[in-house]
Amino acid sequence: MDAAQIAQVLGKTRVHIKVILFRARQILGRELRPGQALSKAIPTASQRPAMASFSNWQSTLPPEK
């Protein structure tokens, strides 16, 4: 899905989705970087509000076994 489609499904703006994706990519990059301390992989306080928007989102995927 592109950002506009995701925005429509989640009821957010396209810009908000692009910000969320940017921040998620930054976090993922830190997680995948070898030899990095765990404390640096945890999102900063400025990143948590954007990530919190996903906490109330209900996935349509079946639960993992």
C-alpha atoms as a PDB file:
ATOM      1  CA  MET A   1       0.000   0.000   0.000  1.00  0.00           C
ATOM      2  CA  ASP A   2       1.156   3.530  -0.583  1.00  0.00           C
ATOM      3  CA  ALA A   3       0.997   6.272   2.066  1.00  0.00           C
ATOM      4  CA  ALA A   4      -2.327   7.633   0.796  1.00  0.00           C
ATOM      5  CA  GLN A   5      -3.986   4.220   1.039  1.00  0.00           C
ATOM      6  CA  ILE A   6      -2.614   3.605   4.522  1.00  0.00           C
ATOM      7  CA  ALA A   7      -3.796   7.057   5.611  1.00  0.00           C
ATOM      8  CA  GLN A   8      -7.294   6.349   4.355  1.00  0.00           C
ATOM      9  CA  VAL A   9      -7.490   2.993   6.155  1.00  0.00           C
ATOM     10  CA  LEU A  10      -6.140   4.371   9.450  1.00  0.00           C
ATOM     11  CA  GLY A  11      -8.010   7.679   9.272  1.00  0.00           C
ATOM     12  CA  LYS A  12      -4.794   9.726   9.373  1.00  0.00           C
ATOM     13  CA  THR A  13      -3.285  12.252   6.990  1.00  0.00           C
ATOM     14  CA  ARG A  14      -0.789  11.158   4.353  1.00  0.00           C
ATOM     15  CA  VAL A  15       1.846  13.377   5.979  1.00  0.00           C
ATOM     16  CA  HIS A  16       1.243  11.744   9.379  1.00  0.00           C
ATOM     17  CA  ILE A  17       1.710   8.298   7.838  1.00  0.00           C
ATOM     18  CA  LYS A  18       4.943   9.395   6.169  1.00  0.00           C
ATOM     19  CA  VAL A  19       6.248  10.663   9.526  1.00  0.00           C
ATOM     20  CA  ILE A  20       5.302   7.396  11.255  1.00  0.00           C
ATOM     21  CA  LEU A  21       7.015   5.367   8.522  1.00  0.00           C
ATOM     22  CA  PHE A  22      10.140   7.538   8.690  1.00  0.00           C
ATOM     23  CA  ARG A  23      10.391   7.089  12.454  1.00  0.00           C
ATOM     24  CA  ALA A  24       9.728   3.355  12.186  1.00  0.00           C
ATOM     25  CA  ARG A  25      12.526   3.015   9.628  1.00  0.00           C
ATOM     26  CA  GLN A  26      14.906   4.870  11.944  1.00  0.00           C
ATOM     27  CA  ILE A  27      14.063   2.536  14.822  1.00  0.00           C
ATOM     28  CA  LEU A  28      14.392  -0.527  12.595  1.00  0.00           C
ATOM     29  CA  GLY A  29      17.768   0.682  11.348  1.00  0.00           C
ATOM     30  CA  ARG A  30      19.009   1.062  14.910  1.00  0.00           C
ATOM     31  CA  GLU A  31      17.695  -2.402  15.809  1.00  0.00           C
ATOM     32  CA  LEU A  32      19.455  -4.012  12.865  1.00  0.00           C
ATOM     33  CA  ARG A  33      22.796  -2.251  13.349  1.00  0.00           C
ATOM     34  CA  PRO A  34      25.241  -4.810  14.790  1.00  0.00           C
ATOM     35  CA  GLY A  35      26.958  -4.210  18.119  1.00  0.00           C
ATOM     36  CA  GLN A  36      24.528  -1.572  19.268  1.00  0.00           C
ATOM     37  CA  ALA A  37      23.581  -1.252  22.924  1.00  0.00           C
ATOM     38  CA  LEU A  38      19.963  -2.088  23.730  1.00  0.00           C
ATOM     39  CA  SER A  39      19.344   1.268  25.418  1.00  0.00           C
ATOM     40  CA  LYS A  40      20.005   3.081  22.141  1.00  0.00           C
ATOM     41  CA  ALA A  41      17.491   0.902  20.306  1.00  0.00           C
ATOM     42  CA  ILE A  42      14.629   2.056  22.563  1.00  0.00           C
ATOM     43  CA  PRO A  43      12.672   4.967  21.027  1.00  0.00           C
ATOM     44  CA  THR A  44      13.259   8.385  22.530  1.00  0.00           C
ATOM     45  CA  ALA A  45      10.458  10.280  24.226  1.00  0.00           C
ATOM     46  CA  SER A  46       9.971  12.395  21.105  1.00  0.00           C
ATOM     47  CA  GLN A  47       9.304   9.249  19.047  1.00  0.00           C
ATOM     48  CA  ARG A  48       6.908   7.531  21.444  1.00  0.00           C
ATOM     49  CA  PRO A  49       3.773   9.615  20.673  1.00  0.00           C
ATOM     50  CA  ALA A  50       3.868   8.625  17.001  1.00  0.00           C
ATOM     51  CA  MET A  51       4.455   4.987  17.843  1.00  0.00           C
ATOM     52  CA  ALA A  52       1.661   5.073  20.433  1.00  0.00           C
ATOM     53  CA  SER A  53      -0.846   5.691  17.647  1.00  0.00           C
ATOM     54  CA  PHE A  54      -0.373   2.052  16.672  1.00  0.00           C
ATOM     55  CA  SER A  55      -1.132   0.732  20.155  1.00  0.00           C
ATOM     56  CA  ASN A  56      -4.885   1.154  19.646  1.00  0.00           C
ATOM     57  CA  TRP A  57      -4.852  -0.146  16.100  1.00  0.00           C
ATOM     58  CA  GLN A  58      -6.484  -3.548  15.666  1.00  0.00           C
ATOM     59  CA  SER A  59      -4.843  -5.855  13.176  1.00  0.00           C
ATOM     60  CA  THR A  60      -6.976  -7.926  10.836  1.00  0.00           C
ATOM     61  CA  LEU A  61      -4.261 -10.582  10.763  1.00  0.00           C
ATOM     62  CA  PRO A  62      -4.874 -13.805  12.675  1.00  0.00           C
ATOM     63  CA  PRO A  63      -2.919 -14.176  15.908  1.00  0.00           C
ATOM     64  CA  GLU A  64       0.452 -15.902  15.729  1.00  0.00           C
ATOM     65  CA  LYS A  65       0.620 -19.511  16.915  1.00  0.00           C
END
